[in-house]
Amino acid sequence: MTRFLLRRLLFVVPVLFGVSVIVFGTVKIIPGDPVALLAGPGASESAKDALRSRLGLDRALPIQYWHWLTSALRGDLGTSIAHQQPTRPLVLDAFDNTLILTLYATVLALVLGLTLGAVAALRPRGIAGRICSGITSIAVSAPQYSIALIFIIYLALRTGWFPVSGMHGVNGSGLGDLLWHGFLPALTAALVPAGVIGRIFRAALLDVLGMDFVEALRSRGFSDRRVLLHAVHNTLPSLLTMAGLQVGYLLGGVVFVETIFNWPGLGLLLFQSISSRDLPVIQAGVLISALAFVLINVLVDSAHALIDSRVRTA
């Protein structure tokens, strides 16, 4: 197991290096001049040149990349152009809020996906099974933006059941207030992963229920509940891999959700930073998201290896 973990961690290094190159290069080709935006429309060319030199934007791209990479390895992610403060605490605070929303959405996605998948697999020809299969198909296909607007109109504005935006109320605090404010954005973000998990779990469960050992367990007098538990245990490797990928999807896919619901996470911060051409924040935010996605994949692979010994020797 130790050798497997070492191989996976060594693989992370070139992946992160490639991600850093892509992040730096992509940000540099975004249209617009951040110096002109920061200096203002009335700034002279000499003032713009002085500002560009102070920010290090007058250097060659390889030198800019090397300076940015070495600084990032030391934990220095630069200074936000728009906020005029260190980028790292700004991005990490927003990322913490994104992790809260991601965890909330992951729990909802697992509960909904496993429930829908189990009912669809246990009652494949029944009405309940067909309804659950239809719900998973709609969840996978429905655009997040449209679903968010529907939730806001019918579950927030017309009924007043849930707040429209924000992470806490004006005078609210605590876990209950957080869960209340986060329900609609978490549910919106969870729909697509729930549909994917439900469809994968249904297919995996149907395959396992059709195996010979299931008939053997039933012939020995095992109850349907115990048979189902054995079947679910055999679906864990594929389910774990898919659930881990969906967590990574949620980390990168909550940008629209955070923007619509004004959730103070990394997605909303990146949206605002792109609008203001705040390059240090964009680079830091995308890099931290990529790092989190890679680490989640390593954790999922490690958990998969613990469950299935064949993965460790592959």
C-alpha atoms as a PDB file:
ATOM      1  CA  MET A   1       0.000   0.000   0.000  1.00  0.00           C
ATOM      2  CA  THR A   2       2.888   2.350   0.777  1.00  0.00           C
ATOM      3  CA  ARG A   3       4.408   1.822  -2.665  1.00  0.00           C
ATOM      4  CA  PHE A   4       1.023   2.502  -4.252  1.00  0.00           C
ATOM      5  CA  LEU A   5       0.692   5.793  -2.366  1.00  0.00           C
ATOM      6  CA  LEU A   6       4.217   6.834  -3.311  1.00  0.00           C
ATOM      7  CA  ARG A   7       3.510   6.135  -6.995  1.00  0.00           C
ATOM      8  CA  ARG A   8       0.343   8.196  -6.847  1.00  0.00           C
ATOM      9  CA  LEU A   9       2.044  11.091  -5.071  1.00  0.00           C
ATOM     10  CA  LEU A  10       4.929  11.090  -7.556  1.00  0.00           C
ATOM     11  CA  PHE A  11       2.380  11.256 -10.359  1.00  0.00           C
ATOM     12  CA  VAL A  12       0.876  14.374  -8.741  1.00  0.00           C
ATOM     13  CA  VAL A  13       4.078  16.405  -9.279  1.00  0.00           C
ATOM     14  CA  PRO A  14       4.066  16.509 -13.122  1.00  0.00           C
ATOM     15  CA  VAL A  15       0.299  16.937 -13.129  1.00  0.00           C
ATOM     16  CA  LEU A  16       0.490  20.019 -10.914  1.00  0.00           C
ATOM     17  CA  PHE A  17       3.372  21.387 -12.969  1.00  0.00           C
ATOM     18  CA  GLY A  18       1.293  21.031 -16.137  1.00  0.00           C
ATOM     19  CA  VAL A  19      -1.671  22.632 -14.387  1.00  0.00           C
ATOM     20  CA  SER A  20       0.472  25.597 -13.317  1.00  0.00           C
ATOM     21  CA  VAL A  21       1.649  26.139 -16.906  1.00  0.00           C
ATOM     22  CA  ILE A  22      -1.910  25.965 -18.233  1.00  0.00           C
ATOM     23  CA  VAL A  23      -3.251  28.289 -15.535  1.00  0.00           C
ATOM     24  CA  PHE A  24      -0.529  30.870 -16.101  1.00  0.00           C
ATOM     25  CA  GLY A  25      -0.816  30.717 -19.889  1.00  0.00           C
ATOM     26  CA  THR A  26      -4.610  30.819 -19.935  1.00  0.00           C
ATOM     27  CA  VAL A  27      -4.772  33.861 -17.679  1.00  0.00           C
ATOM     28  CA  LYS A  28      -2.256  35.689 -19.857  1.00  0.00           C
ATOM     29  CA  ILE A  29      -4.388  35.321 -22.991  1.00  0.00           C
ATOM     30  CA  ILE A  30      -7.527  36.764 -21.372  1.00  0.00           C
ATOM     31  CA  PRO A  31      -8.446  39.893 -23.388  1.00  0.00           C
ATOM     32  CA  GLY A  32      -7.908  43.268 -21.784  1.00  0.00           C
ATOM     33  CA  ASP A  33      -5.154  45.122 -19.992  1.00  0.00           C
ATOM     34  CA  PRO A  34      -5.297  44.894 -16.174  1.00  0.00           C
ATOM     35  CA  VAL A  35      -2.922  47.855 -15.861  1.00  0.00           C
ATOM     36  CA  ALA A  36      -5.254  50.124 -17.838  1.00  0.00           C
ATOM     37  CA  LEU A  37      -8.211  48.957 -15.765  1.00  0.00           C
ATOM     38  CA  LEU A  38      -6.370  49.496 -12.493  1.00  0.00           C
ATOM     39  CA  ALA A  39      -4.825  52.860 -13.445  1.00  0.00           C
ATOM     40  CA  GLY A  40      -8.103  54.272 -14.717  1.00  0.00           C
ATOM     41  CA  PRO A  41      -9.122  55.869 -18.019  1.00  0.00           C
ATOM     42  CA  GLY A  42      -7.342  59.147 -17.309  1.00  0.00           C
ATOM     43  CA  ALA A  43      -3.921  57.718 -16.479  1.00  0.00           C
ATOM     44  CA  SER A  44      -0.943  58.730 -18.597  1.00  0.00           C
ATOM     45  CA  GLU A  45       1.250  56.236 -20.426  1.00  0.00           C
ATOM     46  CA  SER A  46       4.134  56.903 -18.060  1.00  0.00           C
ATOM     47  CA  ALA A  47       1.917  56.109 -15.073  1.00  0.00           C
ATOM     48  CA  LYS A  48       0.762  52.908 -16.751  1.00  0.00           C
ATOM     49  CA  ASP A  49       4.357  51.922 -17.514  1.00  0.00           C
ATOM     50  CA  ALA A  50       5.380  52.561 -13.914  1.00  0.00           C
ATOM     51  CA  LEU A  51       2.491  50.465 -12.637  1.00  0.00           C
ATOM     52  CA  ARG A  52       3.253  47.697 -15.111  1.00  0.00           C
ATOM     53  CA  SER A  53       6.874  47.649 -13.954  1.00  0.00           C
ATOM     54  CA  ARG A  54       5.839  47.557 -10.287  1.00  0.00           C
ATOM     55  CA  LEU A  55       3.572  44.571 -10.945  1.00  0.00           C
ATOM     56  CA  GLY A  56       6.285  42.807 -12.965  1.00  0.00           C
ATOM     57  CA  LEU A  57       4.133  42.666 -16.090  1.00  0.00           C
ATOM     58  CA  ASP A  58       6.859  44.211 -18.264  1.00  0.00           C
ATOM     59  CA  ARG A  59       9.073  41.135 -17.992  1.00  0.00           C
ATOM     60  CA  ALA A  60       9.243  38.243 -20.449  1.00  0.00           C
ATOM     61  CA  LEU A  61       6.581  35.563 -19.949  1.00  0.00           C
ATOM     62  CA  PRO A  62       9.039  32.805 -18.884  1.00  0.00           C
ATOM     63  CA  ILE A  63      10.470  35.125 -16.239  1.00  0.00           C
ATOM     64  CA  GLN A  64       6.977  36.073 -15.055  1.00  0.00           C
ATOM     65  CA  TYR A  65       6.041  32.382 -14.851  1.00  0.00           C
ATOM     66  CA  TRP A  66       9.199  31.424 -12.946  1.00  0.00           C
ATOM     67  CA  HIS A  67       8.714  34.256 -10.470  1.00  0.00           C
ATOM     68  CA  TRP A  68       5.061  33.323  -9.973  1.00  0.00           C
ATOM     69  CA  LEU A  69       5.801  29.594  -9.573  1.00  0.00           C
ATOM     70  CA  THR A  70       8.648  30.020  -7.086  1.00  0.00           C
ATOM     71  CA  SER A  71       6.591  32.493  -5.081  1.00  0.00           C
ATOM     72  CA  ALA A  72       3.606  30.109  -5.064  1.00  0.00           C
ATOM     73  CA  LEU A  73       5.823  27.260  -3.790  1.00  0.00           C
ATOM     74  CA  ARG A  74       6.814  29.506  -0.887  1.00  0.00           C
ATOM     75  CA  GLY A  75       3.149  30.231  -0.171  1.00  0.00           C
ATOM     76  CA  ASP A  76       3.211  33.720  -1.677  1.00  0.00           C
ATOM     77  CA  LEU A  77       0.354  33.961  -4.181  1.00  0.00           C
ATOM     78  CA  GLY A  78       0.830  37.645  -4.843  1.00  0.00           C
ATOM     79  CA  THR A  79      -1.263  40.699  -4.058  1.00  0.00           C
ATOM     80  CA  SER A  80      -4.793  41.200  -5.304  1.00  0.00           C
ATOM     81  CA  ILE A  81      -4.962  44.068  -7.766  1.00  0.00           C
ATOM     82  CA  ALA A  82      -8.607  44.854  -7.044  1.00  0.00           C
ATOM     83  CA  HIS A  83      -8.586  44.365  -3.251  1.00  0.00           C
ATOM     84  CA  GLN A  84      -5.034  45.564  -2.586  1.00  0.00           C
ATOM     85  CA  GLN A  85      -4.358  42.810  -0.058  1.00  0.00           C
ATOM     86  CA  PRO A  86      -2.488  39.485  -0.028  1.00  0.00           C
ATOM     87  CA  THR A  87      -4.142  36.961  -2.306  1.00  0.00           C
ATOM     88  CA  ARG A  88      -3.638  33.829  -0.213  1.00  0.00           C
ATOM     89  CA  PRO A  89      -5.959  34.631   2.747  1.00  0.00           C
ATOM     90  CA  LEU A  90      -8.513  36.090   0.351  1.00  0.00           C
ATOM     91  CA  VAL A  91      -8.601  32.929  -1.759  1.00  0.00           C
ATOM     92  CA  LEU A  92      -8.361  30.485   1.155  1.00  0.00           C
ATOM     93  CA  ASP A  93     -11.264  32.110   3.017  1.00  0.00           C
ATOM     94  CA  ALA A  94     -13.402  31.874  -0.121  1.00  0.00           C
ATOM     95  CA  PHE A  95     -12.244  28.286  -0.686  1.00  0.00           C
ATOM     96  CA  ASP A  96     -13.359  27.350   2.842  1.00  0.00           C
ATOM     97  CA  ASN A  97     -16.874  28.534   1.986  1.00  0.00           C
ATOM     98  CA  THR A  98     -16.744  26.555  -1.256  1.00  0.00           C
ATOM     99  CA  LEU A  99     -15.739  23.435   0.689  1.00  0.00           C
ATOM    100  CA  ILE A 100     -18.746  23.916   2.972  1.00  0.00           C
ATOM    101  CA  LEU A 101     -21.089  24.149  -0.003  1.00  0.00           C
ATOM    102  CA  THR A 102     -19.359  21.200  -1.702  1.00  0.00           C
ATOM    103  CA  LEU A 103     -19.681  19.011   1.403  1.00  0.00           C
ATOM    104  CA  TYR A 104     -23.351  19.951   1.769  1.00  0.00           C
ATOM    105  CA  ALA A 105     -24.003  19.213  -1.918  1.00  0.00           C
ATOM    106  CA  THR A 106     -22.060  15.923  -1.706  1.00  0.00           C
ATOM    107  CA  VAL A 107     -24.233  14.683   1.156  1.00  0.00           C
ATOM    108  CA  LEU A 108     -27.399  15.606  -0.745  1.00  0.00           C
ATOM    109  CA  ALA A 109     -26.067  14.022  -3.957  1.00  0.00           C
ATOM    110  CA  LEU A 110     -25.209  10.750  -2.191  1.00  0.00           C
ATOM    111  CA  VAL A 111     -28.539  10.541  -0.393  1.00  0.00           C
ATOM    112  CA  LEU A 112     -30.562  11.331  -3.520  1.00  0.00           C
ATOM    113  CA  GLY A 113     -28.405   9.286  -5.894  1.00  0.00           C
ATOM    114  CA  LEU A 114     -28.236   6.143  -3.768  1.00  0.00           C
ATOM    115  CA  THR A 115     -31.945   6.267  -3.001  1.00  0.00           C
ATOM    116  CA  LEU A 116     -32.984   6.756  -6.622  1.00  0.00           C
ATOM    117  CA  GLY A 117     -30.500   4.144  -7.869  1.00  0.00           C
ATOM    118  CA  ALA A 118     -31.544   1.546  -5.288  1.00  0.00           C
ATOM    119  CA  VAL A 119     -35.272   1.944  -5.991  1.00  0.00           C
ATOM    120  CA  ALA A 120     -34.674   1.851  -9.749  1.00  0.00           C
ATOM    121  CA  ALA A 121     -32.605  -1.340  -9.417  1.00  0.00           C
ATOM    122  CA  LEU A 122     -34.916  -3.152  -6.991  1.00  0.00           C
ATOM    123  CA  ARG A 123     -38.084  -2.229  -8.917  1.00  0.00           C
ATOM    124  CA  PRO A 124     -36.832  -2.025 -12.524  1.00  0.00           C
ATOM    125  CA  ARG A 125     -40.239  -2.810 -14.063  1.00  0.00           C
ATOM    126  CA  GLY A 126     -42.372  -1.094 -11.453  1.00  0.00           C
ATOM    127  CA  ILE A 127     -43.774   2.413 -11.486  1.00  0.00           C
ATOM    128  CA  ALA A 128     -41.483   3.555  -8.684  1.00  0.00           C
ATOM    129  CA  GLY A 129     -38.413   2.236 -10.503  1.00  0.00           C
ATOM    130  CA  ARG A 130     -39.393   3.922 -13.756  1.00  0.00           C
ATOM    131  CA  ILE A 131     -40.061   7.218 -11.971  1.00  0.00           C
ATOM    132  CA  CYS A 132     -36.665   7.091 -10.254  1.00  0.00           C
ATOM    133  CA  SER A 133     -34.921   6.302 -13.540  1.00  0.00           C
ATOM    134  CA  GLY A 134     -36.708   9.243 -15.154  1.00  0.00           C
ATOM    135  CA  ILE A 135     -35.688  11.561 -12.311  1.00  0.00           C
ATOM    136  CA  THR A 136     -32.003  10.601 -12.685  1.00  0.00           C
ATOM    137  CA  SER A 137     -32.185  11.267 -16.430  1.00  0.00           C
ATOM    138  CA  ILE A 138     -33.754  14.688 -15.868  1.00  0.00           C
ATOM    139  CA  ALA A 139     -31.198  15.530 -13.154  1.00  0.00           C
ATOM    140  CA  VAL A 140     -28.294  14.743 -15.476  1.00  0.00           C
ATOM    141  CA  SER A 141     -29.762  16.686 -18.394  1.00  0.00           C
ATOM    142  CA  ALA A 142     -31.196  19.757 -16.660  1.00  0.00           C
ATOM    143  CA  PRO A 143     -29.057  22.931 -16.860  1.00  0.00           C
ATOM    144  CA  GLN A 144     -27.945  24.175 -13.441  1.00  0.00           C
ATOM    145  CA  TYR A 145     -28.703  27.780 -14.323  1.00  0.00           C
ATOM    146  CA  SER A 146     -32.341  27.047 -15.184  1.00  0.00           C
ATOM    147  CA  ILE A 147     -32.832  24.814 -12.144  1.00  0.00           C
ATOM    148  CA  ALA A 148     -31.415  27.529  -9.884  1.00  0.00           C
ATOM    149  CA  LEU A 149     -33.854  30.109 -11.270  1.00  0.00           C
ATOM    150  CA  ILE A 150     -36.778  27.705 -10.798  1.00  0.00           C
ATOM    151  CA  PHE A 151     -35.766  27.055  -7.185  1.00  0.00           C
ATOM    152  CA  ILE A 152     -35.421  30.786  -6.507  1.00  0.00           C
ATOM    153  CA  ILE A 153     -38.837  31.589  -7.991  1.00  0.00           C
ATOM    154  CA  TYR A 154     -40.866  28.740  -6.459  1.00  0.00           C
ATOM    155  CA  LEU A 155     -38.996  27.854  -3.252  1.00  0.00           C
ATOM    156  CA  ALA A 156     -37.755  31.291  -2.230  1.00  0.00           C
ATOM    157  CA  LEU A 157     -39.676  34.226  -3.722  1.00  0.00           C
ATOM    158  CA  ARG A 158     -43.194  32.794  -3.916  1.00  0.00           C
ATOM    159  CA  THR A 159     -43.191  30.642  -0.782  1.00  0.00           C
ATOM    160  CA  GLY A 160     -40.490  32.267   1.350  1.00  0.00           C
ATOM    161  CA  TRP A 161     -39.317  28.857   2.541  1.00  0.00           C
ATOM    162  CA  PHE A 162     -35.652  29.542   1.855  1.00  0.00           C
ATOM    163  CA  PRO A 163     -33.497  32.673   1.498  1.00  0.00           C
ATOM    164  CA  VAL A 164     -32.513  33.824  -1.963  1.00  0.00           C
ATOM    165  CA  SER A 165     -28.838  34.556  -1.383  1.00  0.00           C
ATOM    166  CA  GLY A 166     -26.021  34.716   1.102  1.00  0.00           C
ATOM    167  CA  MET A 167     -24.454  32.333   3.589  1.00  0.00           C
ATOM    168  CA  HIS A 168     -26.005  33.718   6.779  1.00  0.00           C
ATOM    169  CA  GLY A 169     -28.856  36.006   7.681  1.00  0.00           C
ATOM    170  CA  VAL A 170     -28.346  39.552   8.944  1.00  0.00           C
ATOM    171  CA  ASN A 171     -28.643  38.458  12.567  1.00  0.00           C
ATOM    172  CA  GLY A 172     -28.270  34.743  11.960  1.00  0.00           C
ATOM    173  CA  SER A 173     -25.393  32.463  12.821  1.00  0.00           C
ATOM    174  CA  GLY A 174     -24.747  28.852  13.689  1.00  0.00           C
ATOM    175  CA  LEU A 175     -25.167  25.566  11.870  1.00  0.00           C
ATOM    176  CA  GLY A 176     -28.934  25.771  11.505  1.00  0.00           C
ATOM    177  CA  ASP A 177     -28.826  29.148   9.777  1.00  0.00           C
ATOM    178  CA  LEU A 178     -25.984  27.938   7.547  1.00  0.00           C
ATOM    179  CA  LEU A 179     -27.894  24.814   6.495  1.00  0.00           C
ATOM    180  CA  TRP A 180     -31.027  26.873   5.818  1.00  0.00           C
ATOM    181  CA  HIS A 181     -29.214  29.396   3.627  1.00  0.00           C
ATOM    182  CA  GLY A 182     -27.169  26.720   1.904  1.00  0.00           C
ATOM    183  CA  PHE A 183     -29.976  24.308   1.046  1.00  0.00           C
ATOM    184  CA  LEU A 184     -31.010  25.781  -2.312  1.00  0.00           C
ATOM    185  CA  PRO A 185     -27.458  26.279  -3.666  1.00  0.00           C
ATOM    186  CA  ALA A 186     -26.405  22.857  -2.375  1.00  0.00           C
ATOM    187  CA  LEU A 187     -29.463  21.176  -3.905  1.00  0.00           C
ATOM    188  CA  THR A 188     -28.858  22.946  -7.221  1.00  0.00           C
ATOM    189  CA  ALA A 189     -25.229  21.842  -7.274  1.00  0.00           C
ATOM    190  CA  ALA A 190     -26.134  18.297  -6.188  1.00  0.00           C
ATOM    191  CA  LEU A 191     -28.665  17.501  -8.928  1.00  0.00           C
ATOM    192  CA  VAL A 192     -26.229  16.516 -11.691  1.00  0.00           C
ATOM    193  CA  PRO A 193     -23.965  14.414  -9.396  1.00  0.00           C
ATOM    194  CA  ALA A 194     -27.058  12.802  -7.867  1.00  0.00           C
ATOM    195  CA  GLY A 195     -28.279  11.808 -11.324  1.00  0.00           C
ATOM    196  CA  VAL A 196     -24.881  10.377 -12.282  1.00  0.00           C
ATOM    197  CA  ILE A 197     -24.497   8.482  -8.997  1.00  0.00           C
ATOM    198  CA  GLY A 198     -28.058   7.162  -9.280  1.00  0.00           C
ATOM    199  CA  ARG A 199     -27.527   5.823 -12.807  1.00  0.00           C
ATOM    200  CA  ILE A 200     -24.138   4.261 -12.014  1.00  0.00           C
ATOM    201  CA  PHE A 201     -25.434   2.725  -8.777  1.00  0.00           C
ATOM    202  CA  ARG A 202     -28.505   1.327 -10.536  1.00  0.00           C
ATOM    203  CA  ALA A 203     -26.399  -0.326 -13.257  1.00  0.00           C
ATOM    204  CA  ALA A 204     -23.853  -1.707 -10.778  1.00  0.00           C
ATOM    205  CA  LEU A 205     -26.550  -2.997  -8.436  1.00  0.00           C
ATOM    206  CA  LEU A 206     -28.430  -4.707 -11.274  1.00  0.00           C
ATOM    207  CA  ASP A 207     -25.228  -6.475 -12.356  1.00  0.00           C
ATOM    208  CA  VAL A 208     -24.514  -7.691  -8.831  1.00  0.00           C
ATOM    209  CA  LEU A 209     -28.096  -8.806  -8.181  1.00  0.00           C
ATOM    210  CA  GLY A 210     -27.886 -10.966 -11.308  1.00  0.00           C
ATOM    211  CA  MET A 211     -24.809 -12.889 -10.089  1.00  0.00           C
ATOM    212  CA  ASP A 212     -24.885 -16.458  -8.884  1.00  0.00           C
ATOM    213  CA  PHE A 213     -23.835 -15.702  -5.317  1.00  0.00           C
ATOM    214  CA  VAL A 214     -27.019 -13.638  -4.827  1.00  0.00           C
ATOM    215  CA  GLU A 215     -29.177 -16.648  -5.714  1.00  0.00           C
ATOM    216  CA  ALA A 216     -27.032 -18.749  -3.382  1.00  0.00           C
ATOM    217  CA  LEU A 217     -27.616 -16.335  -0.527  1.00  0.00           C
ATOM    218  CA  ARG A 218     -31.360 -16.360  -1.144  1.00  0.00           C
ATOM    219  CA  SER A 219     -31.434 -20.160  -1.306  1.00  0.00           C
ATOM    220  CA  ARG A 220     -29.727 -20.284   2.081  1.00  0.00           C
ATOM    221  CA  GLY A 221     -32.558 -18.247   3.576  1.00  0.00           C
ATOM    222  CA  PHE A 222     -30.937 -14.815   3.748  1.00  0.00           C
ATOM    223  CA  SER A 223     -33.434 -11.989   4.018  1.00  0.00           C
ATOM    224  CA  ASP A 224     -33.804  -9.455   1.217  1.00  0.00           C
ATOM    225  CA  ARG A 225     -32.169  -6.843   3.429  1.00  0.00           C
ATOM    226  CA  ARG A 226     -29.028  -8.944   4.011  1.00  0.00           C
ATOM    227  CA  VAL A 227     -28.840  -9.848   0.336  1.00  0.00           C
ATOM    228  CA  LEU A 228     -29.066  -6.166  -0.551  1.00  0.00           C
ATOM    229  CA  LEU A 229     -26.287  -5.300   1.912  1.00  0.00           C
ATOM    230  CA  HIS A 230     -24.012  -7.925   0.320  1.00  0.00           C
ATOM    231  CA  ALA A 231     -24.856  -6.592  -3.136  1.00  0.00           C
ATOM    232  CA  VAL A 232     -24.167  -2.989  -2.118  1.00  0.00           C
ATOM    233  CA  HIS A 233     -20.809  -4.049  -0.658  1.00  0.00           C
ATOM    234  CA  ASN A 234     -19.794  -5.431  -4.058  1.00  0.00           C
ATOM    235  CA  THR A 235     -20.677  -2.158  -5.765  1.00  0.00           C
ATOM    236  CA  LEU A 236     -18.491  -0.035  -3.450  1.00  0.00           C
ATOM    237  CA  PRO A 237     -15.374   0.184  -5.691  1.00  0.00           C
ATOM    238  CA  SER A 238     -17.211   1.615  -8.702  1.00  0.00           C
ATOM    239  CA  LEU A 239     -19.461   3.730  -6.487  1.00  0.00           C
ATOM    240  CA  LEU A 240     -16.507   5.164  -4.577  1.00  0.00           C
ATOM    241  CA  THR A 241     -14.679   6.118  -7.769  1.00  0.00           C
ATOM    242  CA  MET A 242     -17.747   7.782  -9.225  1.00  0.00           C
ATOM    243  CA  ALA A 243     -18.562   9.620  -5.981  1.00  0.00           C
ATOM    244  CA  GLY A 244     -14.999  10.941  -5.786  1.00  0.00           C
ATOM    245  CA  LEU A 245     -15.162  12.229  -9.343  1.00  0.00           C
ATOM    246  CA  GLN A 246     -18.431  13.966  -8.567  1.00  0.00           C
ATOM    247  CA  VAL A 247     -16.857  15.711  -5.556  1.00  0.00           C
ATOM    248  CA  GLY A 248     -14.180  17.024  -7.902  1.00  0.00           C
ATOM    249  CA  TYR A 249     -16.896  18.090 -10.321  1.00  0.00           C
ATOM    250  CA  LEU A 250     -18.657  19.975  -7.539  1.00  0.00           C
ATOM    251  CA  LEU A 251     -15.482  21.853  -6.607  1.00  0.00           C
ATOM    252  CA  GLY A 252     -15.160  23.151 -10.136  1.00  0.00           C
ATOM    253  CA  GLY A 253     -18.830  23.345 -10.999  1.00  0.00           C
ATOM    254  CA  VAL A 254     -20.211  25.572  -8.256  1.00  0.00           C
ATOM    255  CA  VAL A 255     -19.120  28.783 -10.011  1.00  0.00           C
ATOM    256  CA  PHE A 256     -22.567  29.381 -11.490  1.00  0.00           C
ATOM    257  CA  VAL A 257     -24.302  28.279  -8.311  1.00  0.00           C
ATOM    258  CA  GLU A 258     -22.258  30.593  -6.090  1.00  0.00           C
ATOM    259  CA  THR A 259     -22.757  33.475  -8.499  1.00  0.00           C
ATOM    260  CA  ILE A 260     -26.542  33.045  -8.719  1.00  0.00           C
ATOM    261  CA  PHE A 261     -27.044  32.576  -4.977  1.00  0.00           C
ATOM    262  CA  ASN A 262     -24.351  35.106  -3.997  1.00  0.00           C
ATOM    263  CA  TRP A 263     -22.543  32.458  -1.958  1.00  0.00           C
ATOM    264  CA  PRO A 264     -19.192  33.948  -0.831  1.00  0.00           C
ATOM    265  CA  GLY A 265     -17.075  31.119  -2.174  1.00  0.00           C
ATOM    266  CA  LEU A 266     -14.229  30.692  -4.595  1.00  0.00           C
ATOM    267  CA  GLY A 267     -16.533  30.547  -7.601  1.00  0.00           C
ATOM    268  CA  LEU A 268     -18.048  33.957  -6.846  1.00  0.00           C
ATOM    269  CA  LEU A 269     -14.585  35.377  -6.116  1.00  0.00           C
ATOM    270  CA  LEU A 270     -13.239  34.106  -9.445  1.00  0.00           C
ATOM    271  CA  PHE A 271     -16.247  35.509 -11.309  1.00  0.00           C
ATOM    272  CA  GLN A 272     -15.665  38.927  -9.761  1.00  0.00           C
ATOM    273  CA  SER A 273     -11.907  38.698 -10.371  1.00  0.00           C
ATOM    274  CA  ILE A 274     -12.393  37.858 -14.047  1.00  0.00           C
ATOM    275  CA  SER A 275     -14.656  40.875 -14.399  1.00  0.00           C
ATOM    276  CA  SER A 276     -12.026  43.138 -12.793  1.00  0.00           C
ATOM    277  CA  ARG A 277      -9.031  41.422 -14.446  1.00  0.00           C
ATOM    278  CA  ASP A 278      -7.526  40.585 -11.047  1.00  0.00           C
ATOM    279  CA  LEU A 279      -4.896  38.190 -12.407  1.00  0.00           C
ATOM    280  CA  PRO A 280      -3.243  37.128  -9.114  1.00  0.00           C
ATOM    281  CA  VAL A 281      -6.592  36.072  -7.646  1.00  0.00           C
ATOM    282  CA  ILE A 282      -7.578  34.215 -10.824  1.00  0.00           C
ATOM    283  CA  GLN A 283      -4.276  32.326 -10.919  1.00  0.00           C
ATOM    284  CA  ALA A 284      -4.367  31.482  -7.218  1.00  0.00           C
ATOM    285  CA  GLY A 285      -8.015  30.414  -7.257  1.00  0.00           C
ATOM    286  CA  VAL A 286      -7.684  28.112 -10.259  1.00  0.00           C
ATOM    287  CA  LEU A 287      -4.427  26.647  -8.914  1.00  0.00           C
ATOM    288  CA  ILE A 288      -5.940  25.861  -5.510  1.00  0.00           C
ATOM    289  CA  SER A 289      -9.009  24.301  -7.153  1.00  0.00           C
ATOM    290  CA  ALA A 290      -6.782  22.118  -9.352  1.00  0.00           C
ATOM    291  CA  LEU A 291      -4.685  21.091  -6.356  1.00  0.00           C
ATOM    292  CA  ALA A 292      -7.807  20.125  -4.406  1.00  0.00           C
ATOM    293  CA  PHE A 293      -9.132  18.117  -7.365  1.00  0.00           C
ATOM    294  CA  VAL A 294      -5.842  16.206  -7.715  1.00  0.00           C
ATOM    295  CA  LEU A 295      -5.665  15.460  -3.980  1.00  0.00           C
ATOM    296  CA  ILE A 296      -9.271  14.224  -3.991  1.00  0.00           C
ATOM    297  CA  ASN A 297      -8.397  11.821  -6.810  1.00  0.00           C
ATOM    298  CA  VAL A 298      -5.411  10.539  -4.813  1.00  0.00           C
ATOM    299  CA  LEU A 299      -7.630   9.969  -1.769  1.00  0.00           C
ATOM    300  CA  VAL A 300     -10.249   8.188  -3.867  1.00  0.00           C
ATOM    301  CA  ASP A 301      -7.628   5.951  -5.493  1.00  0.00           C
ATOM    302  CA  SER A 302      -6.180   5.152  -2.069  1.00  0.00           C
ATOM    303  CA  ALA A 303      -9.583   4.247  -0.664  1.00  0.00           C
ATOM    304  CA  HIS A 304     -10.264   2.125  -3.763  1.00  0.00           C
ATOM    305  CA  ALA A 305      -6.947   0.331  -3.219  1.00  0.00           C
ATOM    306  CA  LEU A 306      -7.866  -0.407   0.391  1.00  0.00           C
ATOM    307  CA  ILE A 307     -11.168  -1.958  -0.681  1.00  0.00           C
ATOM    308  CA  ASP A 308      -9.809  -3.878  -3.699  1.00  0.00           C
ATOM    309  CA  SER A 309      -6.295  -5.335  -3.392  1.00  0.00           C
ATOM    310  CA  ARG A 310      -6.106  -5.837  -7.167  1.00  0.00           C
ATOM    311  CA  VAL A 311      -5.793  -2.071  -7.629  1.00  0.00           C
ATOM    312  CA  ARG A 312      -2.614  -1.978  -5.506  1.00  0.00           C
ATOM    313  CA  THR A 313      -0.862  -4.507  -7.739  1.00  0.00           C
ATOM    314  CA  ALA A 314      -2.079  -3.066 -11.062  1.00  0.00           C
END
